[in-house]
Every structure is written in C-alpha cells, then in structure tokens.
C-alpha cells in the first residue's frame, strides 16, 4: 500500500489581508496623530481620529509629527522621535462616523442584559504632499 504524502500548509498571516496598492511614487511617510501612527503616500485617503477644533470639509491640515520618511530608493530618514522641519500636508475630504459597534453585557440566570451602541467619529484626509 502506498500512502499519499501531503505537503504542510503554509501559515496565513492575518495581519494584512490585502497587499498595499502600488503607487507611482515610492515616497512615503509615517506620521502620528490622535495617538496612532499612519503610513501614507501622496494621493492616499487615510481615515484618522477626529481632531479637536473647528474643521470643515475642504480644509487643509498639516501634520508635523513625522516619524519616518522613505523615498523608495535608498534614503530613509528616521526621527528621534520626530523629524525636525518635516511635515505631511493633507486636505480634509470627509467628516463621518464608523458603523455602530454594539457593546453587550449579560449575566445568565439574573435577568441582567445591557446593550449599548457606539459610533466613533473620524476624518478622511487626502495626502497632498510630504516634505
């Protein structure tokens, strides 16, 4: 009797389900805002945390907390913690809220059931330039 030998399955990475979209420019930057870090190229649409202040769609926003820039070829600039004089300028495209996240608290046999909903606000910005 011969047994079929099966090849082991390759582990699937769940961190990134789709590859990054190819861009004509290799230049990208990593900037920080709202307690999070975002990787962006010129022309990308990025959803960021809502910024405190009076903003409306079409406003220009400048992020000066740039952690890293890369030109795609050989030059990588790292900040300590930020790069002095470097900034990312963007245009506010949309002010909206995410879908509802349901929070449910339940304890069996005690008639305890609480249900809350939450919609997190966000800004969608279009990256104009990286300097």
N, C-alpha and C. Protein backbone atom coordinates (compact mmCIF):
# COMPACT_ATOMS: atom_id res chain seq x y z
N UNK A 1 0.84 -1.18 0.00
CA UNK A 1 0.00 0.00 0.00
C UNK A 1 0.88 1.23 0.00
N UNK A 2 0.45 2.21 -0.78
CA UNK A 2 1.19 3.47 -0.80
C UNK A 2 0.33 4.55 -0.19
N UNK A 3 0.95 5.39 0.58
CA UNK A 3 0.24 6.49 1.22
C UNK A 3 0.60 7.79 0.54
N UNK A 4 -0.39 8.63 0.37
CA UNK A 4 -0.14 9.93 -0.24
C UNK A 4 0.47 10.86 0.81
N UNK A 5 1.52 11.52 0.42
CA UNK A 5 2.19 12.44 1.33
C UNK A 5 1.68 13.84 1.03
N UNK A 6 1.13 14.50 2.05
CA UNK A 6 0.61 15.84 1.89
C UNK A 6 1.65 16.85 2.33
N UNK A 7 1.75 17.90 1.55
CA UNK A 7 2.67 18.98 1.91
C UNK A 7 2.05 19.79 3.04
N UNK A 8 2.87 20.26 3.98
CA UNK A 8 2.31 21.06 5.07
C UNK A 8 1.78 22.38 4.55
N UNK A 9 0.71 22.85 5.18
CA UNK A 9 0.12 24.12 4.77
C UNK A 9 0.99 25.26 5.24
N UNK A 10 1.05 26.30 4.41
CA UNK A 10 1.79 27.49 4.79
C UNK A 10 0.93 28.30 5.75
N UNK A 11 1.55 28.88 6.79
CA UNK A 11 0.76 29.71 7.70
C UNK A 11 0.29 30.98 7.01
N UNK A 12 -0.93 31.35 7.26
CA UNK A 12 -1.52 32.54 6.66
C UNK A 12 -1.42 33.69 7.64
N UNK A 13 -0.85 34.80 7.19
CA UNK A 13 -0.74 35.97 8.04
C UNK A 13 -2.07 36.69 8.07
N UNK A 14 -2.60 36.93 9.26
CA UNK A 14 -3.89 37.61 9.39
C UNK A 14 -3.71 39.10 9.61
N UNK A 15 -2.47 39.57 9.73
CA UNK A 15 -2.24 40.97 10.00
C UNK A 15 -2.65 41.85 8.82
N UNK A 16 -2.32 41.44 7.61
CA UNK A 16 -2.67 42.23 6.44
C UNK A 16 -3.34 41.30 5.44
N UNK A 17 -4.60 41.54 5.15
CA UNK A 17 -5.34 40.65 4.28
C UNK A 17 -5.20 41.02 2.81
N UNK A 18 -4.91 42.30 2.51
CA UNK A 18 -4.71 42.68 1.12
C UNK A 18 -3.41 43.45 1.00
N UNK A 19 -2.72 43.30 -0.13
CA UNK A 19 -1.44 43.99 -0.28
C UNK A 19 -1.65 45.50 -0.45
N UNK A 20 -0.58 46.25 -0.18
CA UNK A 20 -0.64 47.69 -0.38
C UNK A 20 -0.81 47.98 -1.85
N UNK A 21 -1.57 49.00 -2.16
CA UNK A 21 -1.80 49.39 -3.54
C UNK A 21 -0.51 49.94 -4.13
N UNK A 22 -0.17 49.54 -5.37
CA UNK A 22 1.05 50.07 -5.96
C UNK A 22 0.90 51.55 -6.25
N UNK A 23 1.98 52.28 -6.06
CA UNK A 23 1.97 53.71 -6.26
C UNK A 23 3.04 54.09 -7.26
N UNK A 24 2.82 55.18 -7.98
CA UNK A 24 3.82 55.62 -8.94
C UNK A 24 5.04 56.18 -8.23
N UNK A 25 4.85 56.77 -7.07
CA UNK A 25 5.95 57.33 -6.31
C UNK A 25 6.29 56.40 -5.15
N UNK A 26 7.58 56.22 -4.90
CA UNK A 26 7.99 55.37 -3.80
C UNK A 26 8.05 56.12 -2.48
N UNK A 27 7.86 57.44 -2.52
CA UNK A 27 7.96 58.26 -1.32
C UNK A 27 6.78 58.00 -0.40
N UNK A 28 7.06 57.67 0.86
CA UNK A 28 6.00 57.54 1.85
C UNK A 28 6.50 58.07 3.17
N UNK A 29 5.55 58.34 4.07
CA UNK A 29 5.89 58.86 5.39
C UNK A 29 5.05 58.17 6.43
N UNK A 30 5.57 58.12 7.64
CA UNK A 30 4.84 57.62 8.80
C UNK A 30 4.67 58.81 9.73
N UNK A 31 3.41 59.18 9.99
CA UNK A 31 3.15 60.31 10.86
C UNK A 31 2.21 59.89 11.98
N UNK A 32 2.22 60.68 13.06
CA UNK A 32 1.42 60.36 14.24
C UNK A 32 0.38 61.44 14.47
N UNK A 33 -0.85 61.00 14.74
CA UNK A 33 -1.92 61.91 15.13
C UNK A 33 -2.99 61.10 15.84
N UNK A 34 -3.60 61.69 16.86
CA UNK A 34 -4.67 61.01 17.58
C UNK A 34 -4.22 59.78 18.33
N UNK A 35 -2.93 59.71 18.71
CA UNK A 35 -2.44 58.55 19.45
C UNK A 35 -2.15 57.34 18.59
N UNK A 36 -2.21 57.50 17.27
CA UNK A 36 -1.95 56.39 16.35
C UNK A 36 -0.92 56.83 15.31
N UNK A 37 -0.34 55.85 14.63
CA UNK A 37 0.62 56.13 13.57
C UNK A 37 0.05 55.65 12.25
N UNK A 38 0.26 56.43 11.19
CA UNK A 38 -0.29 56.13 9.88
C UNK A 38 0.81 56.17 8.84
N UNK A 39 0.79 55.23 7.91
CA UNK A 39 1.73 55.19 6.80
C UNK A 39 0.97 55.68 5.58
N UNK A 40 1.52 56.68 4.88
CA UNK A 40 0.79 57.28 3.78
C UNK A 40 1.71 57.71 2.66
N UNK A 41 1.18 57.67 1.44
CA UNK A 41 1.84 58.19 0.25
C UNK A 41 1.02 59.35 -0.27
N UNK A 42 1.59 60.10 -1.19
CA UNK A 42 0.87 61.21 -1.81
C UNK A 42 -0.31 60.64 -2.59
N UNK A 43 -1.50 61.20 -2.36
CA UNK A 43 -2.71 60.73 -3.04
C UNK A 43 -3.52 59.72 -2.25
N UNK A 44 -2.98 59.19 -1.17
CA UNK A 44 -3.70 58.21 -0.36
C UNK A 44 -4.84 58.88 0.41
N UNK A 45 -5.91 58.12 0.63
CA UNK A 45 -7.01 58.53 1.50
C UNK A 45 -6.83 57.77 2.81
N UNK A 46 -6.68 58.54 3.90
CA UNK A 46 -6.41 57.94 5.20
C UNK A 46 -7.51 58.35 6.17
N UNK A 47 -8.06 57.38 6.91
CA UNK A 47 -9.04 57.68 7.95
C UNK A 47 -8.29 57.84 9.27
N UNK A 48 -8.38 59.04 9.85
CA UNK A 48 -7.67 59.34 11.08
C UNK A 48 -8.68 59.66 12.18
N UNK A 49 -8.20 59.68 13.41
CA UNK A 49 -9.04 60.07 14.54
C UNK A 49 -9.49 61.52 14.37
N UNK A 50 -10.65 61.84 14.90
CA UNK A 50 -11.16 63.20 14.85
C UNK A 50 -10.21 64.13 15.59
N UNK A 51 -9.91 65.29 14.98
CA UNK A 51 -9.01 66.27 15.57
C UNK A 51 -9.84 67.32 16.28
N UNK A 52 -9.42 67.71 17.48
CA UNK A 52 -10.13 68.71 18.25
C UNK A 52 -9.99 70.07 17.57
N UNK A 53 -11.08 70.78 17.43
CA UNK A 53 -11.06 72.10 16.83
C UNK A 53 -12.17 72.24 15.80
N UNK A 54 -12.22 73.42 15.20
CA UNK A 54 -13.23 73.72 14.19
C UNK A 54 -12.68 73.40 12.81
N UNK A 55 -13.13 72.31 12.22
CA UNK A 55 -12.72 71.91 10.88
C UNK A 55 -13.95 71.64 10.05
N UNK A 56 -13.84 71.89 8.75
CA UNK A 56 -14.91 71.55 7.82
C UNK A 56 -14.28 70.92 6.58
N UNK A 57 -15.09 70.26 5.80
CA UNK A 57 -14.59 69.57 4.62
C UNK A 57 -13.96 70.58 3.65
N UNK A 58 -12.79 70.21 3.14
CA UNK A 58 -12.06 71.09 2.23
C UNK A 58 -10.93 71.84 2.91
N UNK A 59 -10.87 71.81 4.24
CA UNK A 59 -9.80 72.50 4.97
C UNK A 59 -8.46 71.78 4.76
N UNK A 60 -7.38 72.55 4.85
CA UNK A 60 -6.05 72.00 4.76
C UNK A 60 -5.52 71.72 6.16
N UNK A 61 -4.91 70.55 6.34
CA UNK A 61 -4.38 70.13 7.64
C UNK A 61 -2.91 69.77 7.45
N UNK A 62 -2.07 70.19 8.40
CA UNK A 62 -0.65 69.86 8.35
C UNK A 62 -0.29 69.03 9.58
N UNK A 63 0.35 67.90 9.34
CA UNK A 63 0.82 67.02 10.41
C UNK A 63 2.33 67.18 10.52
N UNK A 64 2.81 67.71 11.65
CA UNK A 64 4.24 67.92 11.80
C UNK A 64 4.91 66.84 12.65
N UNK A 65 4.16 65.88 13.14
CA UNK A 65 4.73 64.77 13.91
C UNK A 65 5.08 63.62 12.96
N UNK A 66 6.10 63.83 12.13
CA UNK A 66 6.53 62.83 11.16
C UNK A 66 7.61 61.98 11.80
N UNK A 67 7.36 60.67 11.85
CA UNK A 67 8.29 59.73 12.49
C UNK A 67 9.34 59.20 11.52
N UNK A 68 8.96 59.04 10.23
CA UNK A 68 9.86 58.43 9.27
C UNK A 68 9.47 58.84 7.86
N UNK A 69 10.44 59.01 6.99
CA UNK A 69 10.18 59.19 5.56
C UNK A 69 11.08 58.25 4.79
N UNK A 70 10.61 57.82 3.63
CA UNK A 70 11.37 56.91 2.77
C UNK A 70 11.09 57.31 1.34
N UNK A 71 12.14 57.48 0.53
CA UNK A 71 11.94 57.88 -0.86
C UNK A 71 11.79 56.69 -1.79
N UNK A 72 11.86 55.48 -1.29
CA UNK A 72 11.64 54.29 -2.11
C UNK A 72 12.90 53.73 -2.73
N UNK A 73 13.97 54.50 -2.78
CA UNK A 73 15.20 54.02 -3.41
C UNK A 73 16.23 53.64 -2.35
N UNK A 74 16.82 54.64 -1.71
CA UNK A 74 17.88 54.32 -0.76
C UNK A 74 17.89 55.22 0.47
N UNK A 75 17.11 56.28 0.47
CA UNK A 75 17.19 57.24 1.55
C UNK A 75 16.03 57.08 2.53
N UNK A 76 16.35 56.68 3.74
CA UNK A 76 15.37 56.55 4.81
C UNK A 76 15.77 57.52 5.91
N UNK A 77 14.81 58.33 6.36
CA UNK A 77 15.07 59.28 7.43
C UNK A 77 14.22 58.90 8.63
N UNK A 78 14.88 58.68 9.76
CA UNK A 78 14.19 58.33 10.99
C UNK A 78 14.27 59.48 11.97
N UNK A 79 13.19 59.71 12.69
CA UNK A 79 13.16 60.77 13.68
C UNK A 79 13.50 60.25 15.06
N UNK A 80 13.80 61.18 15.95
CA UNK A 80 14.13 60.79 17.31
C UNK A 80 13.44 61.74 18.29
N UNK A 81 12.15 61.69 18.56
CA UNK A 81 11.14 60.81 17.99
C UNK A 81 10.57 61.33 16.68
N UNK A 82 10.68 62.66 16.41
CA UNK A 82 10.12 63.21 15.18
C UNK A 82 11.22 63.84 14.34
N UNK A 83 10.96 63.99 13.04
CA UNK A 83 11.91 64.62 12.13
C UNK A 83 11.66 66.12 12.16
N UNK A 84 12.68 66.89 12.51
CA UNK A 84 12.52 68.34 12.59
C UNK A 84 12.38 68.93 11.19
N UNK A 85 11.41 69.83 11.03
CA UNK A 85 11.20 70.50 9.75
C UNK A 85 10.45 69.69 8.73
N UNK A 86 10.08 68.47 9.03
CA UNK A 86 9.34 67.63 8.10
C UNK A 86 7.86 67.67 8.43
N UNK A 87 7.03 67.64 7.40
CA UNK A 87 5.59 67.67 7.63
C UNK A 87 4.85 66.96 6.50
N UNK A 88 3.61 66.59 6.78
CA UNK A 88 2.72 65.99 5.80
C UNK A 88 1.51 66.91 5.71
N UNK A 89 1.22 67.39 4.51
CA UNK A 89 0.05 68.24 4.33
C UNK A 89 -1.06 67.44 3.66
N UNK A 90 -2.29 67.68 4.12
CA UNK A 90 -3.43 66.92 3.62
C UNK A 90 -4.65 67.82 3.55
N UNK A 91 -5.64 67.37 2.79
CA UNK A 91 -6.91 68.07 2.67
C UNK A 91 -8.00 67.22 3.30
N UNK A 92 -8.82 67.84 4.14
CA UNK A 92 -9.91 67.12 4.80
C UNK A 92 -10.99 66.83 3.77
N UNK A 93 -11.20 65.55 3.50
CA UNK A 93 -12.13 65.13 2.45
C UNK A 93 -13.53 64.85 3.01
N UNK A 94 -13.59 64.21 4.18
CA UNK A 94 -14.90 63.81 4.72
C UNK A 94 -14.84 63.76 6.24
N UNK A 95 -15.92 64.20 6.88
CA UNK A 95 -16.10 64.06 8.32
C UNK A 95 -17.28 63.11 8.51
N UNK A 96 -17.04 61.97 9.16
CA UNK A 96 -18.10 60.97 9.28
C UNK A 96 -17.89 60.15 10.54
N UNK A 97 -18.71 59.10 10.70
CA UNK A 97 -18.59 58.18 11.81
C UNK A 97 -18.60 56.75 11.28
N UNK A 98 -17.87 55.87 11.98
CA UNK A 98 -17.83 54.46 11.60
C UNK A 98 -19.18 53.81 11.86
N UNK A 99 -19.31 52.55 11.43
CA UNK A 99 -20.51 51.77 11.71
C UNK A 99 -20.66 51.55 13.21
N UNK A 100 -21.86 51.21 13.64
CA UNK A 100 -22.14 51.02 15.06
C UNK A 100 -21.41 49.79 15.61
N UNK A 101 -20.77 49.98 16.74
CA UNK A 101 -20.16 48.87 17.48
C UNK A 101 -21.07 48.60 18.66
N UNK A 102 -21.61 47.38 18.76
CA UNK A 102 -22.52 47.03 19.84
C UNK A 102 -21.73 46.49 21.03
N UNK A 103 -22.05 46.99 22.21
CA UNK A 103 -21.44 46.53 23.45
C UNK A 103 -22.55 45.89 24.27
N UNK A 104 -22.39 44.60 24.57
CA UNK A 104 -23.43 43.85 25.28
C UNK A 104 -22.87 43.30 26.58
N UNK A 105 -23.59 43.56 27.67
CA UNK A 105 -23.25 42.99 28.97
C UNK A 105 -24.39 42.05 29.35
N UNK A 106 -24.04 40.82 29.73
CA UNK A 106 -25.06 39.81 30.02
C UNK A 106 -24.58 38.91 31.14
N UNK A 107 -25.47 38.65 32.08
CA UNK A 107 -25.19 37.68 33.13
C UNK A 107 -26.36 36.71 33.17
N UNK A 108 -26.06 35.46 33.01
CA UNK A 108 -27.11 34.47 32.96
C UNK A 108 -27.76 34.25 34.32
N UNK A 109 -29.00 33.84 34.29
CA UNK A 109 -29.80 33.49 35.47
C UNK A 109 -30.05 34.66 36.40
N UNK A 110 -29.79 35.89 35.97
CA UNK A 110 -30.02 37.01 36.87
C UNK A 110 -30.80 38.14 36.19
N UNK A 111 -31.28 37.90 35.01
CA UNK A 111 -32.07 38.88 34.25
C UNK A 111 -31.30 40.18 34.02
N UNK A 112 -29.99 40.06 33.82
CA UNK A 112 -29.17 41.24 33.58
C UNK A 112 -28.73 41.26 32.13
N UNK A 113 -29.18 42.28 31.40
CA UNK A 113 -28.82 42.44 29.99
C UNK A 113 -28.77 43.93 29.67
N UNK A 114 -27.60 44.40 29.23
CA UNK A 114 -27.43 45.79 28.82
C UNK A 114 -26.84 45.80 27.43
N UNK A 115 -27.36 46.69 26.59
CA UNK A 115 -26.84 46.81 25.23
C UNK A 115 -26.63 48.28 24.92
N UNK A 116 -25.41 48.61 24.52
CA UNK A 116 -25.05 49.97 24.15
C UNK A 116 -24.52 49.96 22.73
N UNK A 117 -24.63 51.09 22.07
CA UNK A 117 -24.05 51.25 20.74
C UNK A 117 -23.11 52.43 20.74
N UNK A 118 -22.09 52.36 19.90
CA UNK A 118 -21.12 53.45 19.82
C UNK A 118 -20.68 53.62 18.38
N UNK A 119 -20.63 54.87 17.92
CA UNK A 119 -20.11 55.19 16.59
C UNK A 119 -18.95 56.16 16.75
N UNK A 120 -17.77 55.72 16.39
CA UNK A 120 -16.56 56.53 16.54
C UNK A 120 -16.44 57.52 15.39
N UNK A 121 -16.27 58.81 15.68
CA UNK A 121 -16.09 59.79 14.59
C UNK A 121 -14.68 59.69 14.00
N UNK A 122 -14.57 60.04 12.70
CA UNK A 122 -13.27 60.04 12.05
C UNK A 122 -13.23 61.13 10.98
N UNK A 123 -12.01 61.48 10.58
CA UNK A 123 -11.77 62.37 9.46
C UNK A 123 -11.12 61.53 8.35
N UNK A 124 -11.59 61.71 7.12
CA UNK A 124 -10.91 61.10 5.98
C UNK A 124 -10.13 62.20 5.28
N UNK A 125 -8.80 62.05 5.21
CA UNK A 125 -7.96 63.06 4.60
C UNK A 125 -7.28 62.49 3.37
N UNK A 126 -6.99 63.38 2.41
CA UNK A 126 -6.25 63.01 1.21
C UNK A 126 -4.88 63.65 1.33
N UNK A 127 -3.83 62.85 1.24
CA UNK A 127 -2.47 63.34 1.40
C UNK A 127 -2.07 64.12 0.15
N UNK A 128 -1.69 65.40 0.34
CA UNK A 128 -1.30 66.27 -0.77
C UNK A 128 0.20 66.23 -1.02
N UNK A 129 0.99 66.41 0.04
CA UNK A 129 2.44 66.42 -0.14
C UNK A 129 3.15 65.97 1.13
N UNK A 130 4.37 65.49 0.92
CA UNK A 130 5.23 65.06 2.02
C UNK A 130 6.54 65.83 1.86
N UNK A 131 6.91 66.58 2.87
CA UNK A 131 8.15 67.37 2.80
C UNK A 131 9.03 67.03 3.99
